[in-house]
Structures are given as C-alpha cells and as structure tokens.
Amino acid sequence: MPVLVNGSAVELNEDGFLAEFSSWNEEVARALAAEDGIPELTADHWKLIHYLRDYYQRFAIAPMIRKLCKDTGIGQQQILKLFPAGPAKGACKVAGLPKPTGCL
C-alpha cells in the first residue's frame, strides 16, 4: 500500500511503515505525518526524526524511549504530544524506520 509523495508512490509495508529505509526523505516524512494527523512538522519533530534515523543507521535498531528522551532533551509527555501514536509507532514511522520490535 503506497503513500503518494509529490505524485510518486512510495511503498509501505502491511503495518504502514516504509518498505525500504532508503526511500525516506523529508517529503516522505511530511506525507507520513499527515496520514497520522500531524499537519506540520516542527523543529522538535525534526530533532526527534533525525535523532531516530541517525541512531538506527548506527545501531540497526530504534533507541529505547529513555535514551531518546535523555539524548534529545525532549520528555516522554512532549513526545506523545508531538507524535500522538507514540514514540515507536508514530515517531519511528515518520522517521522511516522499520516497525520496532514489541510495537503493537
């Protein structure tokens, strides 16, 4: 099931996450965010998104929520406001990461 980005289809898996990590770009992030009801990505959104992508590229896994909060300085409650679907399902999805293990 693809998402349209500037008229081009970007493939998603059955859970709505990107099928290929390398197909992510900021326009894809905006499209995925809009699908999740986030009309605009703020500086805090981008801070989390870029942190998640960098961490995943280095370790091939999404960080634990405590590490995410500590390293970005953004608390868990604020993350939930930014990504109502949660840090795993919402933030990781918009960042183009695969669905984290243990994510429902």
Protein backbone atom coordinates (compact mmCIF):
# COMPACT_ATOMS: atom_id res chain seq x y z
CA MET A 1 0.00 0.00 0.00
CA PRO A 2 1.79 3.12 -1.20
CA VAL A 3 1.70 6.70 0.03
CA LEU A 4 1.78 9.46 -2.59
CA VAL A 5 4.62 11.95 -2.31
CA ASN A 6 4.77 14.67 -4.97
CA GLY A 7 2.84 12.42 -7.34
CA SER A 8 5.11 9.41 -6.83
CA ALA A 9 4.13 6.28 -4.94
CA VAL A 10 6.36 5.24 -2.02
CA GLU A 11 5.80 1.66 -0.89
CA LEU A 12 4.72 0.90 2.67
CA ASN A 13 4.54 -2.49 4.35
CA GLU A 14 1.38 -4.02 5.81
CA ASP A 15 1.86 -2.02 9.03
CA GLY A 16 2.13 1.34 7.23
CA PHE A 17 5.90 1.67 7.72
CA LEU A 18 8.27 2.30 4.81
CA ALA A 19 9.13 -0.86 2.93
CA GLU A 20 12.67 0.46 2.29
CA PHE A 21 14.65 2.63 4.74
CA SER A 22 16.47 4.26 1.81
CA SER A 23 13.24 5.57 0.23
CA TRP A 24 12.83 8.11 3.07
CA ASN A 25 13.25 11.84 2.60
CA GLU A 26 11.73 14.88 4.29
CA GLU A 27 8.78 14.95 1.88
CA VAL A 28 8.03 11.31 2.71
CA ALA A 29 8.19 12.23 6.41
CA ARG A 30 5.68 15.04 5.87
CA ALA A 31 3.33 12.69 3.99
CA LEU A 32 3.54 10.00 6.68
CA ALA A 33 2.98 12.61 9.40
CA ALA A 34 -0.08 13.97 7.59
CA GLU A 35 -1.50 10.44 7.39
CA ASP A 36 -1.09 10.23 11.17
CA GLY A 37 -2.91 13.54 11.69
CA ILE A 38 0.17 15.71 12.17
CA PRO A 39 -0.37 18.69 9.86
CA GLU A 40 3.05 20.30 10.33
CA LEU A 41 6.45 19.06 11.50
CA THR A 42 8.06 21.48 13.94
CA ALA A 43 11.71 21.84 14.95
CA ASP A 44 11.10 19.37 17.82
CA HIS A 45 9.58 16.85 15.40
CA TRP A 46 12.64 17.12 13.16
CA LYS A 47 15.01 16.85 16.13
CA LEU A 48 13.42 13.52 17.07
CA ILE A 49 13.18 12.30 13.48
CA HIS A 50 16.82 13.00 12.69
CA TYR A 51 17.96 11.50 16.01
CA LEU A 52 15.98 8.32 15.31
CA ARG A 53 17.37 8.00 11.79
CA ASP A 54 20.95 8.57 12.95
CA TYR A 55 20.62 6.10 15.81
CA TYR A 56 19.08 3.47 13.54
CA GLN A 57 21.84 3.90 10.93
CA ARG A 58 24.50 3.39 13.60
CA PHE A 59 22.91 0.52 15.57
CA ALA A 60 20.26 -1.03 13.25
CA ILE A 61 17.64 -0.71 15.99
CA ALA A 62 15.42 2.05 17.36
CA PRO A 63 16.57 3.52 20.70
CA MET A 64 14.78 2.85 23.95
CA ILE A 65 12.42 5.67 24.94
CA ARG A 66 14.59 6.65 27.93
CA LYS A 67 17.62 7.08 25.67
CA LEU A 68 15.57 9.05 23.15
CA CYS A 69 14.36 11.42 25.87
CA LYS A 70 17.78 11.79 27.50
CA ASP A 71 19.71 12.40 24.29
CA THR A 72 17.20 14.82 22.74
CA GLY A 73 16.13 16.62 25.91
CA ILE A 74 12.50 16.07 24.94
CA GLY A 75 10.39 14.37 27.61
CA GLN A 76 8.09 11.44 27.04
CA GLN A 77 4.93 13.51 27.53
CA GLN A 78 6.12 16.04 24.95
CA ILE A 79 6.94 13.21 22.52
CA LEU A 80 3.38 11.95 22.94
CA LYS A 81 2.07 15.42 22.11
CA LEU A 82 4.28 15.60 19.03
CA PHE A 83 3.52 12.05 17.91
CA PRO A 84 0.11 11.03 19.32
CA ALA A 85 0.56 7.45 18.05
CA GLY A 86 3.60 7.20 20.37
CA PRO A 87 7.36 7.20 20.00
CA ALA A 88 7.52 3.72 18.49
CA LYS A 89 4.58 3.67 16.13
CA GLY A 90 4.37 7.39 15.37
CA ALA A 91 7.88 8.80 15.52
CA CYS A 92 9.64 5.76 14.09
CA LYS A 93 7.12 5.52 11.26
CA VAL A 94 7.58 9.17 10.26
CA ALA A 95 11.38 8.77 10.56
CA GLY A 96 11.26 5.90 8.08
CA LEU A 97 12.43 3.22 10.49
CA PRO A 98 11.04 -0.31 10.45
CA LYS A 99 8.33 -1.12 12.98
CA PRO A 100 10.14 -1.56 16.33
CA THR A 101 10.09 -4.95 17.99
CA GLY A 102 7.34 -5.14 20.57
CA CYS A 103 5.30 -2.39 18.90
CA LEU A 104 1.64 -3.34 18.66
